[in-house]
Amino acid sequence: MTTRNWKHPPQNMQEAIETCLTHALTKHRRSIDHVATDMGLANKWVLYKWIESGRLPAVLIRPFEAACRANHVTRFLAHAGHHL
């Protein structure tokens, strides 16, 4: 099994969201159902829609990262704004 470099900055928003969810699954055994529940979403399909489009509402970035226990979306936004 290969190890993943979690410090690599994501190249786009969709990759950042997917990396957060992959981190939640591999490191903390949290499925997308658990992440959606912790965010307070009614169902997981809304989260799937955001993954597909790469658009996550700004007010839900912190709850999403807290549910995934990773900060890849914030790191992408900082990297894209040349603040890293």
Protein backbone atom coordinates (compact mmCIF):
# COMPACT_ATOMS: atom_id res chain seq x y z
CA MET A 1 0.00 0.00 0.00
CA THR A 2 1.40 3.38 -0.96
CA THR A 3 1.40 6.30 1.43
CA ARG A 4 -0.22 9.55 0.47
CA ASN A 5 1.41 12.96 0.85
CA TRP A 6 -1.27 14.99 2.64
CA LYS A 7 0.84 18.17 2.52
CA HIS A 8 0.54 18.56 -1.25
CA PRO A 9 -1.65 21.62 -2.00
CA PRO A 10 -4.76 20.85 -4.07
CA GLN A 11 -4.88 22.29 -7.59
CA ASN A 12 -8.60 23.19 -7.64
CA MET A 13 -11.60 23.38 -5.33
CA GLN A 14 -13.02 20.03 -6.43
CA GLU A 15 -9.72 18.31 -5.64
CA ALA A 16 -9.61 20.04 -2.24
CA ILE A 17 -13.09 18.77 -1.33
CA GLU A 18 -12.26 15.25 -2.53
CA THR A 19 -8.97 15.29 -0.60
CA CYS A 20 -10.78 16.27 2.60
CA LEU A 21 -13.24 13.43 2.16
CA THR A 22 -10.47 10.95 1.35
CA HIS A 23 -8.61 12.06 4.47
CA ALA A 24 -11.75 11.59 6.56
CA LEU A 25 -12.24 8.08 5.19
CA THR A 26 -8.65 6.83 5.34
CA LYS A 27 -7.44 8.45 8.55
CA HIS A 28 -10.61 8.64 10.64
CA ARG A 29 -12.92 6.04 9.02
CA ARG A 30 -15.66 8.64 8.45
CA SER A 31 -17.85 8.07 5.43
CA ILE A 32 -19.59 10.77 3.44
CA ASP A 33 -22.78 9.96 5.37
CA HIS A 34 -21.07 10.81 8.66
CA VAL A 35 -19.57 13.99 7.23
CA ALA A 36 -22.97 15.16 5.93
CA THR A 37 -24.61 14.39 9.29
CA ASP A 38 -21.93 16.30 11.22
CA MET A 39 -22.38 19.28 8.90
CA GLY A 40 -26.11 19.31 9.67
CA LEU A 41 -27.21 18.51 6.12
CA ALA A 42 -30.55 16.81 5.54
CA ASN A 43 -29.05 14.22 3.19
CA LYS A 44 -25.73 13.25 1.65
CA TRP A 45 -26.82 14.05 -1.91
CA VAL A 46 -26.34 17.78 -1.35
CA LEU A 47 -22.72 17.09 -0.46
CA TYR A 48 -22.33 14.93 -3.58
CA LYS A 49 -23.65 17.84 -5.66
CA TRP A 50 -21.04 20.17 -4.16
CA ILE A 51 -18.29 17.65 -4.85
CA GLU A 52 -19.39 17.33 -8.47
CA SER A 53 -19.56 21.07 -9.11
CA GLY A 54 -16.64 22.04 -6.86
CA ARG A 55 -18.76 24.75 -5.25
CA LEU A 56 -19.06 24.73 -1.47
CA PRO A 57 -20.95 27.56 0.30
CA ALA A 58 -18.50 29.73 2.26
CA VAL A 59 -20.44 29.43 5.51
CA LEU A 60 -20.10 25.63 5.36
CA ILE A 61 -16.33 25.46 4.79
CA ARG A 62 -15.46 25.34 8.51
CA PRO A 63 -18.19 22.77 9.41
CA PHE A 64 -17.08 20.64 6.42
CA GLU A 65 -13.44 20.74 7.50
CA ALA A 66 -14.36 20.04 11.11
CA ALA A 67 -16.39 17.00 10.05
CA CYS A 68 -13.54 15.74 7.86
CA ARG A 69 -10.88 16.72 10.41
CA ALA A 70 -8.76 18.22 7.62
CA ASN A 71 -8.23 21.74 6.26
CA HIS A 72 -7.50 21.19 2.56
CA VAL A 73 -10.20 23.59 1.34
CA THR A 74 -8.80 26.46 3.43
CA ARG A 75 -5.28 25.59 2.28
CA PHE A 76 -6.43 25.68 -1.36
CA LEU A 77 -8.10 29.07 -0.90
CA ALA A 78 -4.97 30.47 0.77
CA HIS A 79 -2.73 29.01 -1.93
CA ALA A 80 -4.96 30.35 -4.72
CA GLY A 81 -4.89 33.81 -3.11
CA HIS A 82 -1.06 33.72 -2.90
CA HIS A 83 -1.08 33.77 0.90
CA LEU A 84 1.09 30.67 1.36
